[in-house]
Amino acid sequence: MTKIRSAYVAVLMGMLATTALAQANETASASSSDADKAAIRKSEQIIATATSVDEVLPLYDKNVILDDFTPGRRHGLTALRKEMEGFFQNYTDAKGEILSLDIESDGKLAFANSTQHITAKGKNGMPDLDIALRQTDCYRKENGRW
């Protein structure tokens, strides 16, 4: 009877230890996911409220692919800089507000889908902007950074 009781206690202790480890892993995963989402949320906020090209360029990968407001797909930081400089040359007092933001991540890749409201005063004959848009950004985590 003592051997059976000892075996039962050993199995029970093993099950408890396994459950504790699984719960610890879930907690670590959840906090990692929360940290990932917070970092991505911060980047999205910087992009939405930027007032200069130099604020946003460090957030993008050198191989960025743009498929935004103007027709055609553009590749790379040079194309991003040109696109953003064109915007800031033609508009002043730009303000962006994120109305909604959903982020999904597996820890390596993430998607941020937002609805934004953007206003800006036109210059050089450009009309004022007052637009709402949907934006989806894809993130890849490299060297611990999104």
N, C-alpha and C. Protein backbone atom coordinates (compact mmCIF):
# COMPACT_ATOMS: atom_id res chain seq x y z
N MET A 1 0.82 -1.19 0.00
CA MET A 1 0.00 0.00 0.00
C MET A 1 0.87 1.26 0.00
N THR A 2 2.01 1.24 0.72
CA THR A 2 2.89 2.40 0.79
C THR A 2 3.49 2.68 -0.57
N LYS A 3 3.88 1.63 -1.33
CA LYS A 3 4.44 1.82 -2.66
C LYS A 3 3.42 2.46 -3.60
N ILE A 4 2.17 2.01 -3.53
CA ILE A 4 1.12 2.57 -4.39
C ILE A 4 0.89 4.04 -4.02
N ARG A 5 0.83 4.32 -2.71
CA ARG A 5 0.62 5.69 -2.26
C ARG A 5 1.79 6.57 -2.70
N SER A 6 3.02 6.08 -2.59
CA SER A 6 4.20 6.86 -3.01
C SER A 6 4.17 7.11 -4.51
N ALA A 7 3.78 6.11 -5.29
CA ALA A 7 3.70 6.26 -6.74
C ALA A 7 2.61 7.28 -7.08
N TYR A 8 1.49 7.20 -6.39
CA TYR A 8 0.40 8.13 -6.61
C TYR A 8 0.84 9.57 -6.31
N VAL A 9 1.55 9.76 -5.20
CA VAL A 9 2.04 11.09 -4.82
C VAL A 9 3.05 11.58 -5.87
N ALA A 10 3.91 10.71 -6.36
CA ALA A 10 4.91 11.10 -7.36
C ALA A 10 4.22 11.53 -8.65
N VAL A 11 3.22 10.78 -9.09
CA VAL A 11 2.48 11.13 -10.30
C VAL A 11 1.76 12.46 -10.11
N LEU A 12 1.13 12.63 -8.96
CA LEU A 12 0.42 13.86 -8.65
C LEU A 12 1.38 15.06 -8.64
N MET A 13 2.55 14.88 -8.03
CA MET A 13 3.55 15.96 -8.00
C MET A 13 4.03 16.30 -9.42
N GLY A 14 4.20 15.28 -10.23
CA GLY A 14 4.62 15.50 -11.62
C GLY A 14 3.56 16.26 -12.40
N MET A 15 2.29 15.90 -12.17
CA MET A 15 1.20 16.61 -12.86
C MET A 15 1.13 18.06 -12.41
N LEU A 16 1.30 18.32 -11.13
CA LEU A 16 1.28 19.68 -10.61
C LEU A 16 2.43 20.51 -11.18
N ALA A 17 3.62 19.90 -11.24
CA ALA A 17 4.78 20.61 -11.78
C ALA A 17 4.57 20.94 -13.25
N THR A 18 4.01 19.99 -14.02
CA THR A 18 3.75 20.22 -15.44
C THR A 18 2.72 21.34 -15.62
N THR A 19 1.68 21.33 -14.80
CA THR A 19 0.66 22.38 -14.88
C THR A 19 1.25 23.74 -14.53
N ALA A 20 2.10 23.79 -13.51
CA ALA A 20 2.73 25.05 -13.13
C ALA A 20 3.62 25.58 -14.24
N LEU A 21 4.38 24.70 -14.89
CA LEU A 21 5.24 25.12 -16.00
C LEU A 21 4.40 25.62 -17.18
N ALA A 22 3.33 24.94 -17.47
CA ALA A 22 2.47 25.36 -18.58
C ALA A 22 1.86 26.73 -18.30
N GLN A 23 1.43 26.95 -17.06
CA GLN A 23 0.86 28.26 -16.71
C GLN A 23 1.93 29.34 -16.77
N ALA A 24 3.14 29.05 -16.36
CA ALA A 24 4.23 30.03 -16.42
C ALA A 24 4.54 30.38 -17.87
N ASN A 25 4.54 29.36 -18.74
CA ASN A 25 4.78 29.62 -20.17
C ASN A 25 3.68 30.47 -20.78
N GLU A 26 2.41 30.20 -20.40
CA GLU A 26 1.30 31.01 -20.92
C GLU A 26 1.44 32.44 -20.46
N THR A 27 1.81 32.65 -19.20
CA THR A 27 1.97 34.01 -18.68
C THR A 27 3.11 34.72 -19.39
N ALA A 28 4.23 34.05 -19.60
CA ALA A 28 5.37 34.65 -20.31
C ALA A 28 4.97 34.99 -21.74
N SER A 29 4.23 34.08 -22.38
CA SER A 29 3.80 34.32 -23.75
C SER A 29 2.85 35.51 -23.82
N ALA A 30 1.93 35.60 -22.88
CA ALA A 30 0.97 36.71 -22.88
C ALA A 30 1.68 38.03 -22.65
N SER A 31 2.64 38.07 -21.72
CA SER A 31 3.32 39.33 -21.47
C SER A 31 4.21 39.70 -22.65
N SER A 32 4.82 38.71 -23.29
CA SER A 32 5.61 38.98 -24.48
C SER A 32 4.71 39.54 -25.57
N SER A 33 3.55 38.95 -25.75
CA SER A 33 2.60 39.43 -26.73
C SER A 33 2.16 40.85 -26.40
N ASP A 34 1.91 41.14 -25.12
CA ASP A 34 1.53 42.49 -24.72
C ASP A 34 2.65 43.47 -25.01
N ALA A 35 3.90 43.07 -24.76
CA ALA A 35 5.04 43.94 -25.05
C ALA A 35 5.18 44.17 -26.55
N ASP A 36 4.98 43.11 -27.34
CA ASP A 36 5.04 43.24 -28.80
C ASP A 36 3.97 44.21 -29.28
N LYS A 37 2.77 44.03 -28.79
CA LYS A 37 1.67 44.90 -29.21
C LYS A 37 1.91 46.34 -28.79
N ALA A 38 2.47 46.55 -27.62
CA ALA A 38 2.76 47.91 -27.16
C ALA A 38 3.81 48.57 -28.06
N ALA A 39 4.83 47.81 -28.46
CA ALA A 39 5.87 48.37 -29.34
C ALA A 39 5.28 48.72 -30.71
N ILE A 40 4.43 47.86 -31.23
CA ILE A 40 3.82 48.11 -32.53
C ILE A 40 2.85 49.29 -32.43
N ARG A 41 2.09 49.34 -31.34
CA ARG A 41 1.16 50.46 -31.14
C ARG A 41 1.92 51.79 -31.11
N LYS A 42 3.08 51.80 -30.46
CA LYS A 42 3.89 53.01 -30.40
C LYS A 42 4.35 53.42 -31.80
N SER A 43 4.82 52.47 -32.60
CA SER A 43 5.24 52.77 -33.97
C SER A 43 4.08 53.31 -34.80
N GLU A 44 2.92 52.69 -34.68
CA GLU A 44 1.75 53.15 -35.43
C GLU A 44 1.38 54.58 -35.04
N GLN A 45 1.48 54.90 -33.76
CA GLN A 45 1.17 56.25 -33.29
C GLN A 45 2.16 57.27 -33.85
N ILE A 46 3.44 56.91 -33.85
CA ILE A 46 4.46 57.81 -34.40
C ILE A 46 4.20 58.06 -35.88
N ILE A 47 3.88 57.02 -36.62
CA ILE A 47 3.63 57.16 -38.06
C ILE A 47 2.40 58.04 -38.30
N ALA A 48 1.34 57.81 -37.54
CA ALA A 48 0.09 58.55 -37.75
C ALA A 48 0.22 60.03 -37.42
N THR A 49 1.09 60.37 -36.48
CA THR A 49 1.18 61.76 -36.02
C THR A 49 2.46 62.46 -36.46
N ALA A 50 3.23 61.84 -37.34
CA ALA A 50 4.51 62.41 -37.77
C ALA A 50 4.33 63.77 -38.42
N THR A 51 5.31 64.63 -38.18
CA THR A 51 5.32 65.94 -38.82
C THR A 51 6.55 66.11 -39.71
N SER A 52 7.36 65.05 -39.82
CA SER A 52 8.52 65.09 -40.71
C SER A 52 8.88 63.68 -41.14
N VAL A 53 9.60 63.60 -42.24
CA VAL A 53 10.06 62.32 -42.77
C VAL A 53 11.00 61.63 -41.78
N ASP A 54 11.87 62.42 -41.16
CA ASP A 54 12.88 61.84 -40.28
C ASP A 54 12.30 61.17 -39.04
N GLU A 55 11.06 61.49 -38.68
CA GLU A 55 10.41 60.83 -37.54
C GLU A 55 10.06 59.39 -37.85
N VAL A 56 9.73 59.11 -39.11
CA VAL A 56 9.22 57.78 -39.44
C VAL A 56 10.21 56.86 -40.13
N LEU A 57 11.19 57.40 -40.83
CA LEU A 57 12.12 56.54 -41.58
C LEU A 57 12.78 55.45 -40.72
N PRO A 58 13.21 55.76 -39.49
CA PRO A 58 13.85 54.70 -38.69
C PRO A 58 12.94 53.53 -38.34
N LEU A 59 11.64 53.69 -38.50
CA LEU A 59 10.70 52.63 -38.16
C LEU A 59 10.51 51.61 -39.28
N TYR A 60 11.01 51.93 -40.47
CA TYR A 60 10.77 51.08 -41.63
C TYR A 60 11.99 50.24 -41.98
N ASP A 61 11.72 49.06 -42.51
CA ASP A 61 12.74 48.17 -43.03
C ASP A 61 13.29 48.75 -44.33
N LYS A 62 14.55 48.50 -44.61
CA LYS A 62 15.16 49.04 -45.84
C LYS A 62 14.48 48.51 -47.09
N ASN A 63 13.78 47.39 -46.99
CA ASN A 63 13.09 46.80 -48.14
C ASN A 63 11.58 47.05 -48.10
N VAL A 64 11.18 48.14 -47.47
CA VAL A 64 9.76 48.46 -47.35
C VAL A 64 9.08 48.45 -48.71
N ILE A 65 7.84 47.99 -48.73
CA ILE A 65 7.01 48.03 -49.95
C ILE A 65 5.84 48.95 -49.66
N LEU A 66 5.67 49.97 -50.49
CA LEU A 66 4.58 50.93 -50.34
C LEU A 66 3.53 50.69 -51.40
N ASP A 67 2.31 50.69 -50.98
CA ASP A 67 1.18 50.59 -51.89
C ASP A 67 0.07 51.42 -51.26
N ASP A 68 0.28 52.74 -51.25
CA ASP A 68 -0.56 53.64 -50.47
C ASP A 68 -1.49 54.49 -51.31
N PHE A 69 -1.37 55.80 -51.12
CA PHE A 69 -2.30 56.77 -51.71
C PHE A 69 -2.15 56.91 -53.21
N THR A 70 -0.93 56.90 -53.68
CA THR A 70 -0.71 57.11 -55.11
C THR A 70 -0.61 55.76 -55.82
N PRO A 71 -1.01 55.71 -57.07
CA PRO A 71 -0.97 54.43 -57.80
C PRO A 71 0.45 53.90 -57.94
N GLY A 72 0.55 52.61 -58.02
CA GLY A 72 1.83 51.96 -58.23
C GLY A 72 2.48 51.53 -56.93
N ARG A 73 3.24 50.49 -57.03
CA ARG A 73 3.95 49.96 -55.88
C ARG A 73 5.38 50.48 -55.90
N ARG A 74 5.85 50.94 -54.74
CA ARG A 74 7.21 51.45 -54.62
C ARG A 74 7.97 50.63 -53.59
N HIS A 75 9.29 50.50 -53.83
CA HIS A 75 10.13 49.66 -52.96
C HIS A 75 11.27 50.48 -52.37
N GLY A 76 11.55 50.24 -51.08
CA GLY A 76 12.75 50.77 -50.45
C GLY A 76 12.57 52.11 -49.75
N LEU A 77 13.57 52.42 -48.92
CA LEU A 77 13.54 53.65 -48.12
C LEU A 77 13.63 54.91 -48.98
N THR A 78 14.33 54.84 -50.10
CA THR A 78 14.42 56.01 -50.98
C THR A 78 13.03 56.38 -51.51
N ALA A 79 12.26 55.37 -51.89
CA ALA A 79 10.90 55.62 -52.38
C ALA A 79 10.02 56.15 -51.25
N LEU A 80 10.17 55.60 -50.06
CA LEU A 80 9.40 56.09 -48.91
C LEU A 80 9.74 57.54 -48.62
N ARG A 81 11.01 57.86 -48.60
CA ARG A 81 11.44 59.25 -48.34
C ARG A 81 10.83 60.19 -49.38
N LYS A 82 10.92 59.81 -50.65
CA LYS A 82 10.40 60.66 -51.73
C LYS A 82 8.90 60.88 -51.57
N GLU A 83 8.17 59.82 -51.27
CA GLU A 83 6.72 59.91 -51.09
C GLU A 83 6.37 60.83 -49.93
N MET A 84 7.05 60.64 -48.82
CA MET A 84 6.74 61.45 -47.63
C MET A 84 7.19 62.89 -47.79
N GLU A 85 8.33 63.11 -48.42
CA GLU A 85 8.78 64.49 -48.67
C GLU A 85 7.77 65.23 -49.56
N GLY A 86 7.23 64.52 -50.54
CA GLY A 86 6.21 65.11 -51.40
C GLY A 86 4.99 65.54 -50.59
N PHE A 87 4.60 64.69 -49.64
CA PHE A 87 3.45 65.04 -48.80
C PHE A 87 3.76 66.29 -47.97
N PHE A 88 4.88 66.29 -47.28
CA PHE A 88 5.21 67.42 -46.40
C PHE A 88 5.53 68.70 -47.17
N GLN A 89 5.91 68.60 -48.44
CA GLN A 89 6.12 69.79 -49.26
C GLN A 89 4.80 70.42 -49.68
N ASN A 90 3.76 69.61 -49.76
CA ASN A 90 2.47 70.09 -50.23
C ASN A 90 1.43 70.32 -49.14
N TYR A 91 1.75 69.92 -47.90
CA TYR A 91 0.78 70.08 -46.81
C TYR A 91 1.48 70.55 -45.54
N THR A 92 0.76 71.35 -44.77
CA THR A 92 1.26 71.79 -43.46
C THR A 92 0.22 71.44 -42.41
N ASP A 93 0.60 71.58 -41.19
CA ASP A 93 -0.31 71.36 -40.06
C ASP A 93 -1.00 70.00 -40.15
N ALA A 94 -0.25 68.97 -40.56
CA ALA A 94 -0.82 67.63 -40.67
C ALA A 94 -1.07 67.05 -39.29
N LYS A 95 -2.25 66.48 -39.13
CA LYS A 95 -2.61 65.84 -37.87
C LYS A 95 -3.24 64.49 -38.18
N GLY A 96 -2.78 63.48 -37.48
CA GLY A 96 -3.34 62.15 -37.65
C GLY A 96 -3.86 61.62 -36.34
N GLU A 97 -4.96 60.92 -36.42
CA GLU A 97 -5.57 60.32 -35.22
C GLU A 97 -5.94 58.88 -35.55
N ILE A 98 -5.53 57.96 -34.70
CA ILE A 98 -5.91 56.56 -34.87
C ILE A 98 -7.26 56.36 -34.19
N LEU A 99 -8.26 56.02 -34.98
CA LEU A 99 -9.61 55.82 -34.45
C LEU A 99 -9.79 54.41 -33.90
N SER A 100 -9.18 53.45 -34.55
CA SER A 100 -9.21 52.07 -34.06
C SER A 100 -7.93 51.38 -34.52
N LEU A 101 -7.48 50.42 -33.73
CA LEU A 101 -6.24 49.71 -34.05
C LEU A 101 -6.33 48.29 -33.52
N ASP A 102 -6.17 47.32 -34.41
CA ASP A 102 -6.13 45.91 -34.03
C ASP A 102 -4.78 45.36 -34.44
N ILE A 103 -4.14 44.65 -33.52
CA ILE A 103 -2.81 44.08 -33.77
C ILE A 103 -2.86 42.59 -33.50
N GLU A 104 -2.37 41.81 -34.44
CA GLU A 104 -2.24 40.36 -34.30
C GLU A 104 -0.78 40.00 -34.51
N SER A 105 -0.24 39.17 -33.63
CA SER A 105 1.17 38.82 -33.72
C SER A 105 1.40 37.39 -33.27
N ASP A 106 2.36 36.74 -33.91
CA ASP A 106 2.80 35.42 -33.44
C ASP A 106 4.19 35.51 -32.81
N GLY A 107 4.68 36.73 -32.61
CA GLY A 107 6.00 36.94 -32.02
C GLY A 107 7.09 37.13 -33.06
N LYS A 108 6.81 36.75 -34.31
CA LYS A 108 7.78 36.92 -35.40
C LYS A 108 7.25 37.87 -36.46
N LEU A 109 5.97 37.72 -36.78
CA LEU A 109 5.29 38.59 -37.74
C LEU A 109 4.08 39.18 -37.05
N ALA A 110 3.71 40.39 -37.47
CA ALA A 110 2.53 41.03 -36.90
C ALA A 110 1.84 41.85 -37.96
N PHE A 111 0.54 42.01 -37.80
CA PHE A 111 -0.25 42.87 -38.66
C PHE A 111 -0.97 43.88 -37.78
N ALA A 112 -0.91 45.13 -38.19
CA ALA A 112 -1.61 46.20 -37.50
C ALA A 112 -2.61 46.79 -38.48
N ASN A 113 -3.89 46.69 -38.15
CA ASN A 113 -4.94 47.21 -39.00
C ASN A 113 -5.61 48.36 -38.26
N SER A 114 -5.63 49.53 -38.91
CA SER A 114 -6.19 50.70 -38.23
C SER A 114 -7.13 51.48 -39.13
N THR A 115 -7.98 52.24 -38.48
CA THR A 115 -8.77 53.27 -39.13
C THR A 115 -8.23 54.58 -38.60
N GLN A 116 -7.92 55.51 -39.51
CA GLN A 116 -7.29 56.76 -39.11
C GLN A 116 -8.04 57.95 -39.72
N HIS A 117 -7.94 59.07 -39.04
CA HIS A 117 -8.48 60.33 -39.54
C HIS A 117 -7.30 61.28 -39.70
N ILE A 118 -7.12 61.81 -40.91
CA ILE A 118 -5.99 62.69 -41.19
C ILE A 118 -6.50 64.01 -41.75
N THR A 119 -5.97 65.10 -41.20
CA THR A 119 -6.26 66.44 -41.72
C THR A 119 -4.94 67.14 -41.98
N ALA A 120 -4.95 68.02 -42.96
CA ALA A 120 -3.76 68.83 -43.27
C ALA A 120 -4.19 70.01 -44.13
N LYS A 121 -3.47 71.08 -44.01
CA LYS A 121 -3.74 72.28 -44.82
C LYS A 121 -2.88 72.22 -46.08
N GLY A 122 -3.53 72.37 -47.22
CA GLY A 122 -2.84 72.33 -48.49
C GLY A 122 -2.03 73.59 -48.73
N LYS A 123 -0.92 73.43 -49.43
CA LYS A 123 -0.14 74.58 -49.89
C LYS A 123 0.27 74.31 -51.33
N ASN A 124 0.85 75.30 -51.99
CA ASN A 124 1.23 75.15 -53.40
C ASN A 124 0.03 74.78 -54.28
N GLY A 125 -1.15 75.31 -53.92
CA GLY A 125 -2.35 75.04 -54.71
C GLY A 125 -3.04 73.73 -54.39
N MET A 126 -2.54 72.98 -53.42
CA MET A 126 -3.16 71.70 -53.06
C MET A 126 -4.36 71.96 -52.14
N PRO A 127 -5.45 71.21 -52.32
CA PRO A 127 -6.61 71.38 -51.44
C PRO A 127 -6.31 70.84 -50.04
N ASP A 128 -7.05 71.35 -49.06
CA ASP A 128 -6.92 70.82 -47.70
C ASP A 128 -7.34 69.35 -47.69
N LEU A 129 -6.78 68.59 -46.77
CA LEU A 129 -7.15 67.18 -46.59
C LEU A 129 -8.01 67.03 -45.35
N ASP A 130 -8.99 66.20 -45.45
CA ASP A 130 -9.79 65.77 -44.30
C ASP A 130 -10.32 64.39 -44.69
N ILE A 131 -9.53 63.36 -44.39
CA ILE A 131 -9.86 62.01 -44.87
C ILE A 131 -9.83 61.00 -43.73
N ALA A 132 -10.62 59.98 -43.91
CA ALA A 132 -10.57 58.80 -43.06
C ALA A 132 -10.06 57.67 -43.95
N LEU A 133 -9.20 56.83 -43.40
CA LEU A 133 -8.65 55.74 -44.19
C LEU A 133 -8.42 54.52 -43.33
N ARG A 134 -8.35 53.40 -44.02
CA ARG A 134 -7.96 52.14 -43.37
C ARG A 134 -6.54 51.85 -43.78
N GLN A 135 -5.76 51.38 -42.84
CA GLN A 135 -4.36 51.06 -43.15
C GLN A 135 -4.01 49.72 -42.51
N THR A 136 -3.29 48.90 -43.27
CA THR A 136 -2.77 47.65 -42.73
C THR A 136 -1.27 47.65 -42.93
N ASP A 137 -0.55 47.46 -41.84
CA ASP A 137 0.91 47.41 -41.86
C ASP A 137 1.35 46.03 -41.41
N CYS A 138 2.38 45.52 -42.06
CA CYS A 138 2.96 44.23 -41.70
C CYS A 138 4.31 44.50 -41.04
N TYR A 139 4.56 43.82 -39.93
CA TYR A 139 5.80 43.97 -39.18
C TYR A 139 6.52 42.63 -39.11
N ARG A 140 7.83 42.68 -39.15
CA ARG A 140 8.68 41.49 -38.93
C ARG A 140 9.64 41.83 -37.80
N LYS A 141 9.75 40.95 -36.84
CA LYS A 141 10.64 41.18 -35.71
C LYS A 141 12.03 40.67 -36.06
N GLU A 142 13.02 41.57 -35.96
CA GLU A 142 14.41 41.23 -36.23
C GLU A 142 15.28 41.75 -35.11
N ASN A 143 16.12 40.90 -34.59
CA ASN A 143 17.02 41.27 -33.50
C ASN A 143 16.27 41.89 -32.32
N GLY A 144 15.09 41.32 -32.03
CA GLY A 144 14.28 41.77 -30.90
C GLY A 144 13.53 43.05 -31.12
N ARG A 145 13.54 43.57 -32.35
CA ARG A 145 12.90 44.84 -32.64
C ARG A 145 11.90 44.71 -33.78
N TRP A 146 10.76 45.35 -33.65
CA TRP A 146 9.74 45.35 -34.70
C TRP A 146 10.07 46.40 -35.72
